[in-house]
């Protein structure tokens, strides 16, 4: 009787050990499989440039296996991101280059980011790329008095608040005056002292913080 009880106990313990080992093995396999699925693809770069009044966006991915799509989001000066396009994920193991063109940029600064959506619903965001559309930020310019004696004034309509570089050039292209001025959104009037200039022909140039020329306007200095 005692021997039978001992044998039964040993069998039950052995069976429990087998079941426990099988459960642990199954759990380990599931963990490995889960890790393989959710391993994120690498966003190697995200860049953009403005060409012909359009934003050309480019990003490079590596080790894609689970990408569903990339949603291109854009924000303007007033904030708040909107979706402006979708690019389907190709899921190539090697490096993959994606492109997207925004032909309808907003006035002034445009802020772009990528929303990467995986097949399992995981969402990741890229860094933000800032591009400025000078042509869309149409500026209305006037320079007066022209001819000038001691000062010249210029009025300019700016699509956003921005720091600008104001320069006066000689007819031969030499920069004689360089100032920084702050423009506010809307209409602006600024003054430049030109009393130290000799009588002659000059150009007034205004550039934005990215170095893009806003406008060049000729004027005449007398006396």
C-alpha atoms as a PDB file:
ATOM      1  CA  UNK A   1       0.000   0.000   0.000  1.00  0.00           C
ATOM      2  CA  UNK A   2       2.794   2.409   0.941  1.00  0.00           C
ATOM      3  CA  UNK A   3       4.752   1.527  -2.155  1.00  0.00           C
ATOM      4  CA  UNK A   4       1.750   2.154  -4.402  1.00  0.00           C
ATOM      5  CA  UNK A   5       1.145   5.576  -2.779  1.00  0.00           C
ATOM      6  CA  UNK A   6       4.803   6.539  -3.233  1.00  0.00           C
ATOM      7  CA  UNK A   7       4.765   5.474  -6.887  1.00  0.00           C
ATOM      8  CA  UNK A   8       1.596   7.455  -7.539  1.00  0.00           C
ATOM      9  CA  UNK A   9       3.087  10.561  -5.912  1.00  0.00           C
ATOM     10  CA  UNK A  10       6.262  10.289  -7.988  1.00  0.00           C
ATOM     11  CA  UNK A  11       4.217   9.953 -11.186  1.00  0.00           C
ATOM     12  CA  UNK A  12       2.122  13.014 -10.321  1.00  0.00           C
ATOM     13  CA  UNK A  13       5.205  15.094  -9.510  1.00  0.00           C
ATOM     14  CA  UNK A  14       6.863  14.043 -12.766  1.00  0.00           C
ATOM     15  CA  UNK A  15       3.717  14.944 -14.731  1.00  0.00           C
ATOM     16  CA  UNK A  16       3.542  18.355 -13.015  1.00  0.00           C
ATOM     17  CA  UNK A  17       7.181  19.005 -13.880  1.00  0.00           C
ATOM     18  CA  UNK A  18       6.564  18.110 -17.542  1.00  0.00           C
ATOM     19  CA  UNK A  19       3.548  20.431 -17.712  1.00  0.00           C
ATOM     20  CA  UNK A  20       5.451  23.246 -16.012  1.00  0.00           C
ATOM     21  CA  UNK A  21       8.394  22.855 -18.391  1.00  0.00           C
ATOM     22  CA  UNK A  22       6.059  22.827 -21.393  1.00  0.00           C
ATOM     23  CA  UNK A  23       4.337  25.985 -20.132  1.00  0.00           C
ATOM     24  CA  UNK A  24       7.627  27.802 -19.625  1.00  0.00           C
ATOM     25  CA  UNK A  25       8.816  26.732 -23.068  1.00  0.00           C
ATOM     26  CA  UNK A  26       5.588  27.999 -24.623  1.00  0.00           C
ATOM     27  CA  UNK A  27       5.854  31.330 -22.769  1.00  0.00           C
ATOM     28  CA  UNK A  28       9.458  31.762 -23.874  1.00  0.00           C
ATOM     29  CA  UNK A  29       8.515  31.074 -27.482  1.00  0.00           C
ATOM     30  CA  UNK A  30       5.696  33.603 -27.312  1.00  0.00           C
ATOM     31  CA  UNK A  31       8.035  36.217 -25.829  1.00  0.00           C
ATOM     32  CA  UNK A  32      10.565  35.706 -28.592  1.00  0.00           C
ATOM     33  CA  UNK A  33       7.896  35.889 -31.273  1.00  0.00           C
ATOM     34  CA  UNK A  34       6.443  39.056 -29.737  1.00  0.00           C
ATOM     35  CA  UNK A  35       9.854  40.733 -29.617  1.00  0.00           C
ATOM     36  CA  UNK A  36      10.483  39.879 -33.237  1.00  0.00           C
ATOM     37  CA  UNK A  37       7.184  41.456 -34.315  1.00  0.00           C
ATOM     38  CA  UNK A  38       7.444  44.745 -32.444  1.00  0.00           C
ATOM     39  CA  UNK A  39      11.101  45.486 -33.128  1.00  0.00           C
ATOM     40  CA  UNK A  40      10.817  49.022 -34.557  1.00  0.00           C
ATOM     41  CA  UNK A  41      12.213  49.976 -37.933  1.00  0.00           C
ATOM     42  CA  UNK A  42      14.919  52.621 -37.866  1.00  0.00           C
ATOM     43  CA  UNK A  43      14.199  56.125 -39.190  1.00  0.00           C
ATOM     44  CA  UNK A  44      17.673  57.070 -40.382  1.00  0.00           C
ATOM     45  CA  UNK A  45      16.835  60.577 -41.617  1.00  0.00           C
ATOM     46  CA  UNK A  46      13.988  62.995 -42.322  1.00  0.00           C
ATOM     47  CA  UNK A  47      14.741  66.121 -44.351  1.00  0.00           C
ATOM     48  CA  UNK A  48      13.078  68.640 -46.621  1.00  0.00           C
ATOM     49  CA  UNK A  49      13.700  71.569 -48.933  1.00  0.00           C
ATOM     50  CA  UNK A  50      11.648  74.131 -50.837  1.00  0.00           C
ATOM     51  CA  UNK A  51      11.807  73.967 -54.631  1.00  0.00           C
ATOM     52  CA  UNK A  52       9.542  75.818 -57.041  1.00  0.00           C
ATOM     53  CA  UNK A  53       7.195  76.879 -54.261  1.00  0.00           C
ATOM     54  CA  UNK A  54       6.737  73.259 -53.063  1.00  0.00           C
ATOM     55  CA  UNK A  55       8.084  71.286 -50.091  1.00  0.00           C
ATOM     56  CA  UNK A  56      10.084  68.192 -51.065  1.00  0.00           C
ATOM     57  CA  UNK A  57      10.226  65.807 -48.086  1.00  0.00           C
ATOM     58  CA  UNK A  58      12.541  62.767 -47.955  1.00  0.00           C
ATOM     59  CA  UNK A  59      13.013  60.109 -45.285  1.00  0.00           C
ATOM     60  CA  UNK A  60      15.088  56.923 -45.126  1.00  0.00           C
ATOM     61  CA  UNK A  61      14.025  53.752 -43.258  1.00  0.00           C
ATOM     62  CA  UNK A  62      15.977  50.602 -42.405  1.00  0.00           C
ATOM     63  CA  UNK A  63      14.903  47.087 -41.310  1.00  0.00           C
ATOM     64  CA  UNK A  64      11.222  47.558 -42.082  1.00  0.00           C
ATOM     65  CA  UNK A  65       9.085  44.437 -41.460  1.00  0.00           C
ATOM     66  CA  UNK A  66       5.949  45.784 -39.841  1.00  0.00           C
ATOM     67  CA  UNK A  67       5.287  49.237 -41.314  1.00  0.00           C
ATOM     68  CA  UNK A  68       1.736  49.923 -42.419  1.00  0.00           C
ATOM     69  CA  UNK A  69       1.930  53.558 -43.524  1.00  0.00           C
ATOM     70  CA  UNK A  70       3.464  56.976 -42.986  1.00  0.00           C
ATOM     71  CA  UNK A  71       1.082  59.878 -42.415  1.00  0.00           C
ATOM     72  CA  UNK A  72       2.570  63.266 -43.332  1.00  0.00           C
ATOM     73  CA  UNK A  73       1.405  65.969 -40.925  1.00  0.00           C
ATOM     74  CA  UNK A  74       1.823  69.736 -41.336  1.00  0.00           C
ATOM     75  CA  UNK A  75       1.390  72.726 -39.063  1.00  0.00           C
ATOM     76  CA  UNK A  76       1.572  76.453 -39.743  1.00  0.00           C
ATOM     77  CA  UNK A  77       2.248  79.528 -37.650  1.00  0.00           C
ATOM     78  CA  UNK A  78      -1.052  79.157 -35.775  1.00  0.00           C
ATOM     79  CA  UNK A  79      -0.220  75.620 -34.537  1.00  0.00           C
ATOM     80  CA  UNK A  80      -2.157  72.357 -34.773  1.00  0.00           C
ATOM     81  CA  UNK A  81      -1.088  69.513 -37.073  1.00  0.00           C
ATOM     82  CA  UNK A  82      -3.224  68.317 -40.005  1.00  0.00           C
ATOM     83  CA  UNK A  83      -2.724  65.194 -42.119  1.00  0.00           C
ATOM     84  CA  UNK A  84      -1.876  66.152 -45.701  1.00  0.00           C
ATOM     85  CA  UNK A  85      -0.879  62.793 -47.196  1.00  0.00           C
ATOM     86  CA  UNK A  86      -0.237  59.060 -46.703  1.00  0.00           C
ATOM     87  CA  UNK A  87       2.606  56.877 -48.018  1.00  0.00           C
ATOM     88  CA  UNK A  88       2.284  53.071 -47.737  1.00  0.00           C
ATOM     89  CA  UNK A  89       5.153  51.216 -46.016  1.00  0.00           C
ATOM     90  CA  UNK A  90       7.172  48.987 -48.367  1.00  0.00           C
ATOM     91  CA  UNK A  91       8.753  46.797 -45.646  1.00  0.00           C
ATOM     92  CA  UNK A  92      12.085  46.195 -47.341  1.00  0.00           C
ATOM     93  CA  UNK A  93      14.835  44.833 -45.088  1.00  0.00           C
ATOM     94  CA  UNK A  94      17.449  47.096 -46.622  1.00  0.00           C
ATOM     95  CA  UNK A  95      17.410  50.913 -46.591  1.00  0.00           C
ATOM     96  CA  UNK A  96      14.324  52.417 -48.251  1.00  0.00           C
ATOM     97  CA  UNK A  97      13.968  56.044 -49.351  1.00  0.00           C
ATOM     98  CA  UNK A  98      10.520  57.643 -49.334  1.00  0.00           C
ATOM     99  CA  UNK A  99       9.484  60.996 -50.795  1.00  0.00           C
ATOM    100  CA  UNK A 100       6.468  63.274 -50.546  1.00  0.00           C
ATOM    101  CA  UNK A 101       5.775  66.644 -52.194  1.00  0.00           C
ATOM    102  CA  UNK A 102       3.595  69.343 -50.661  1.00  0.00           C
ATOM    103  CA  UNK A 103       2.491  71.571 -53.538  1.00  0.00           C
ATOM    104  CA  UNK A 104       0.261  73.739 -51.345  1.00  0.00           C
ATOM    105  CA  UNK A 105       2.487  75.154 -48.632  1.00  0.00           C
ATOM    106  CA  UNK A 106       1.124  77.570 -46.052  1.00  0.00           C
ATOM    107  CA  UNK A 107       2.267  81.173 -45.815  1.00  0.00           C
ATOM    108  CA  UNK A 108       5.492  81.578 -43.843  1.00  0.00           C
ATOM    109  CA  UNK A 109       6.882  78.688 -41.791  1.00  0.00           C
ATOM    110  CA  UNK A 110       5.630  75.150 -42.447  1.00  0.00           C
ATOM    111  CA  UNK A 111       6.300  72.475 -39.797  1.00  0.00           C
ATOM    112  CA  UNK A 112       6.323  68.843 -41.011  1.00  0.00           C
ATOM    113  CA  UNK A 113       6.452  65.558 -39.092  1.00  0.00           C
ATOM    114  CA  UNK A 114       5.886  61.866 -39.893  1.00  0.00           C
ATOM    115  CA  UNK A 115       3.407  59.657 -38.049  1.00  0.00           C
ATOM    116  CA  UNK A 116       4.658  56.099 -38.605  1.00  0.00           C
ATOM    117  CA  UNK A 117       1.873  53.544 -38.081  1.00  0.00           C
ATOM    118  CA  UNK A 118       2.786  49.847 -37.712  1.00  0.00           C
ATOM    119  CA  UNK A 119       0.545  46.924 -38.677  1.00  0.00           C
ATOM    120  CA  UNK A 120      -0.081  46.192 -34.989  1.00  0.00           C
ATOM    121  CA  UNK A 121      -1.286  49.764 -34.383  1.00  0.00           C
ATOM    122  CA  UNK A 122       1.877  51.131 -32.749  1.00  0.00           C
ATOM    123  CA  UNK A 123       2.399  54.822 -33.612  1.00  0.00           C
ATOM    124  CA  UNK A 124       5.708  56.708 -33.636  1.00  0.00           C
ATOM    125  CA  UNK A 125       6.510  60.317 -34.552  1.00  0.00           C
ATOM    126  CA  UNK A 126       9.556  61.703 -36.319  1.00  0.00           C
ATOM    127  CA  UNK A 127      11.417  64.901 -35.593  1.00  0.00           C
ATOM    128  CA  UNK A 128       9.956  68.143 -36.977  1.00  0.00           C
ATOM    129  CA  UNK A 129      11.278  69.668 -40.205  1.00  0.00           C
ATOM    130  CA  UNK A 130      10.712  73.430 -40.660  1.00  0.00           C
ATOM    131  CA  UNK A 131      10.496  74.911 -44.151  1.00  0.00           C
ATOM    132  CA  UNK A 132       9.754  78.507 -45.122  1.00  0.00           C
ATOM    133  CA  UNK A 133       7.839  79.375 -48.268  1.00  0.00           C
ATOM    134  CA  UNK A 134       9.021  82.812 -49.343  1.00  0.00           C
ATOM    135  CA  UNK A 135       6.853  82.973 -52.466  1.00  0.00           C
ATOM    136  CA  UNK A 136       3.646  82.106 -50.637  1.00  0.00           C
ATOM    137  CA  UNK A 137       4.457  84.678 -47.957  1.00  0.00           C
ATOM    138  CA  UNK A 138       3.728  87.391 -50.452  1.00  0.00           C
ATOM    139  CA  UNK A 139       5.183  90.723 -49.417  1.00  0.00           C
ATOM    140  CA  UNK A 140       3.869  94.096 -50.450  1.00  0.00           C
ATOM    141  CA  UNK A 141       6.755  96.561 -50.454  1.00  0.00           C
ATOM    142  CA  UNK A 142       7.182 100.282 -50.882  1.00  0.00           C
ATOM    143  CA  UNK A 143      10.241 102.491 -50.229  1.00  0.00           C
ATOM    144  CA  UNK A 144       9.964 106.257 -49.572  1.00  0.00           C
ATOM    145  CA  UNK A 145      11.012 108.995 -49.861  1.00  0.00           C
ATOM    146  CA  UNK A 146      12.740 108.231 -53.111  1.00  0.00           C
ATOM    147  CA  UNK A 147      14.977 110.184 -53.694  1.00  0.00           C
ATOM    148  CA  UNK A 148      16.047 110.173 -50.039  1.00  0.00           C
ATOM    149  CA  UNK A 149      18.049 112.695 -48.021  1.00  0.00           C
ATOM    150  CA  UNK A 150      18.626 111.470 -44.436  1.00  0.00           C
ATOM    151  CA  UNK A 151      16.367 108.435 -44.016  1.00  0.00           C
ATOM    152  CA  UNK A 152      14.359 105.991 -46.048  1.00  0.00           C
ATOM    153  CA  UNK A 153      11.269 104.159 -44.903  1.00  0.00           C
ATOM    154  CA  UNK A 154      10.032 100.861 -46.170  1.00  0.00           C
ATOM    155  CA  UNK A 155       6.671  99.230 -45.617  1.00  0.00           C
ATOM    156  CA  UNK A 156       6.305  95.476 -45.900  1.00  0.00           C
ATOM    157  CA  UNK A 157       3.483  93.028 -45.285  1.00  0.00           C
ATOM    158  CA  UNK A 158       4.754  89.907 -43.520  1.00  0.00           C
ATOM    159  CA  UNK A 159       2.890  86.598 -43.260  1.00  0.00           C
ATOM    160  CA  UNK A 160       4.498  85.860 -39.869  1.00  0.00           C
ATOM    161  CA  UNK A 161       6.491  87.397 -37.043  1.00  0.00           C
ATOM    162  CA  UNK A 162      10.144  87.136 -38.020  1.00  0.00           C
ATOM    163  CA  UNK A 163      13.623  88.613 -37.678  1.00  0.00           C
ATOM    164  CA  UNK A 164      15.002  90.080 -40.903  1.00  0.00           C
ATOM    165  CA  UNK A 165      18.356  91.357 -42.105  1.00  0.00           C
ATOM    166  CA  UNK A 166      18.141  94.817 -43.720  1.00  0.00           C
ATOM    167  CA  UNK A 167      21.058  95.903 -45.925  1.00  0.00           C
ATOM    168  CA  UNK A 168      21.901  98.814 -48.206  1.00  0.00           C
ATOM    169  CA  UNK A 169      24.145  98.011 -51.182  1.00  0.00           C
ATOM    170  CA  UNK A 170      26.049 100.259 -53.539  1.00  0.00           C
ATOM    171  CA  UNK A 171      25.432  99.956 -57.260  1.00  0.00           C
ATOM    172  CA  UNK A 172      28.627  97.849 -57.431  1.00  0.00           C
ATOM    173  CA  UNK A 173      27.254  95.323 -54.896  1.00  0.00           C
ATOM    174  CA  UNK A 174      29.118  96.401 -51.740  1.00  0.00           C
ATOM    175  CA  UNK A 175      27.131  96.185 -48.489  1.00  0.00           C
ATOM    176  CA  UNK A 176      27.363  99.623 -46.809  1.00  0.00           C
ATOM    177  CA  UNK A 177      24.685  99.303 -44.113  1.00  0.00           C
ATOM    178  CA  UNK A 178      23.575  96.157 -42.270  1.00  0.00           C
ATOM    179  CA  UNK A 179      20.879  96.081 -39.570  1.00  0.00           C
ATOM    180  CA  UNK A 180      18.605  93.484 -37.962  1.00  0.00           C
ATOM    181  CA  UNK A 181      14.939  94.381 -37.540  1.00  0.00           C
ATOM    182  CA  UNK A 182      11.851  92.616 -36.218  1.00  0.00           C
ATOM    183  CA  UNK A 183       8.780  92.268 -38.436  1.00  0.00           C
ATOM    184  CA  UNK A 184       5.356  91.545 -37.005  1.00  0.00           C
ATOM    185  CA  UNK A 185       2.578  89.636 -38.705  1.00  0.00           C
ATOM    186  CA  UNK A 186       0.741  92.003 -41.038  1.00  0.00           C
ATOM    187  CA  UNK A 187       1.845  95.450 -42.177  1.00  0.00           C
ATOM    188  CA  UNK A 188       5.162  96.891 -40.957  1.00  0.00           C
ATOM    189  CA  UNK A 189       6.916 100.251 -41.401  1.00  0.00           C
ATOM    190  CA  UNK A 190      10.658 100.465 -40.726  1.00  0.00           C
ATOM    191  CA  UNK A 191      13.222 103.282 -41.041  1.00  0.00           C
ATOM    192  CA  UNK A 192      16.862 103.180 -42.150  1.00  0.00           C
ATOM    193  CA  UNK A 193      19.293 106.096 -41.671  1.00  0.00           C
ATOM    194  CA  UNK A 194      21.198 106.892 -44.880  1.00  0.00           C
ATOM    195  CA  UNK A 195      22.626 110.326 -44.020  1.00  0.00           C
ATOM    196  CA  UNK A 196      26.218 108.991 -44.132  1.00  0.00           C
ATOM    197  CA  UNK A 197      25.852 107.773 -47.715  1.00  0.00           C
ATOM    198  CA  UNK A 198      27.151 109.814 -50.614  1.00  0.00           C
ATOM    199  CA  UNK A 199      24.769 110.957 -53.302  1.00  0.00           C
ATOM    200  CA  UNK A 200      24.143 108.158 -55.746  1.00  0.00           C
ATOM    201  CA  UNK A 201      22.135 105.022 -56.574  1.00  0.00           C
ATOM    202  CA  UNK A 202      21.650 102.236 -54.019  1.00  0.00           C
ATOM    203  CA  UNK A 203      19.672  99.077 -53.348  1.00  0.00           C
ATOM    204  CA  UNK A 204      17.722  98.183 -50.216  1.00  0.00           C
ATOM    205  CA  UNK A 205      17.682  94.435 -49.541  1.00  0.00           C
ATOM    206  CA  UNK A 206      15.649  92.562 -46.896  1.00  0.00           C
ATOM    207  CA  UNK A 207      16.362  88.875 -46.149  1.00  0.00           C
ATOM    208  CA  UNK A 208      14.642  86.442 -43.777  1.00  0.00           C
ATOM    209  CA  UNK A 209      16.407  84.407 -41.065  1.00  0.00           C
ATOM    210  CA  UNK A 210      17.045  81.510 -43.479  1.00  0.00           C
ATOM    211  CA  UNK A 211      18.996  83.901 -45.715  1.00  0.00           C
ATOM    212  CA  UNK A 212      16.327  84.004 -48.436  1.00  0.00           C
ATOM    213  CA  UNK A 213      15.839  87.393 -50.046  1.00  0.00           C
ATOM    214  CA  UNK A 214      12.463  88.981 -49.311  1.00  0.00           C
ATOM    215  CA  UNK A 215      12.888  91.859 -51.728  1.00  0.00           C
ATOM    216  CA  UNK A 216      15.416  94.202 -53.346  1.00  0.00           C
ATOM    217  CA  UNK A 217      14.352  97.777 -54.036  1.00  0.00           C
ATOM    218  CA  UNK A 218      16.455 100.533 -55.705  1.00  0.00           C
ATOM    219  CA  UNK A 219      16.506 104.066 -54.363  1.00  0.00           C
ATOM    220  CA  UNK A 220      18.409 107.314 -54.944  1.00  0.00           C
ATOM    221  CA  UNK A 221      20.314 109.302 -52.290  1.00  0.00           C
ATOM    222  CA  UNK A 222      20.682 113.030 -52.894  1.00  0.00           C
ATOM    223  CA  UNK A 223      22.593 115.797 -51.112  1.00  0.00           C
END
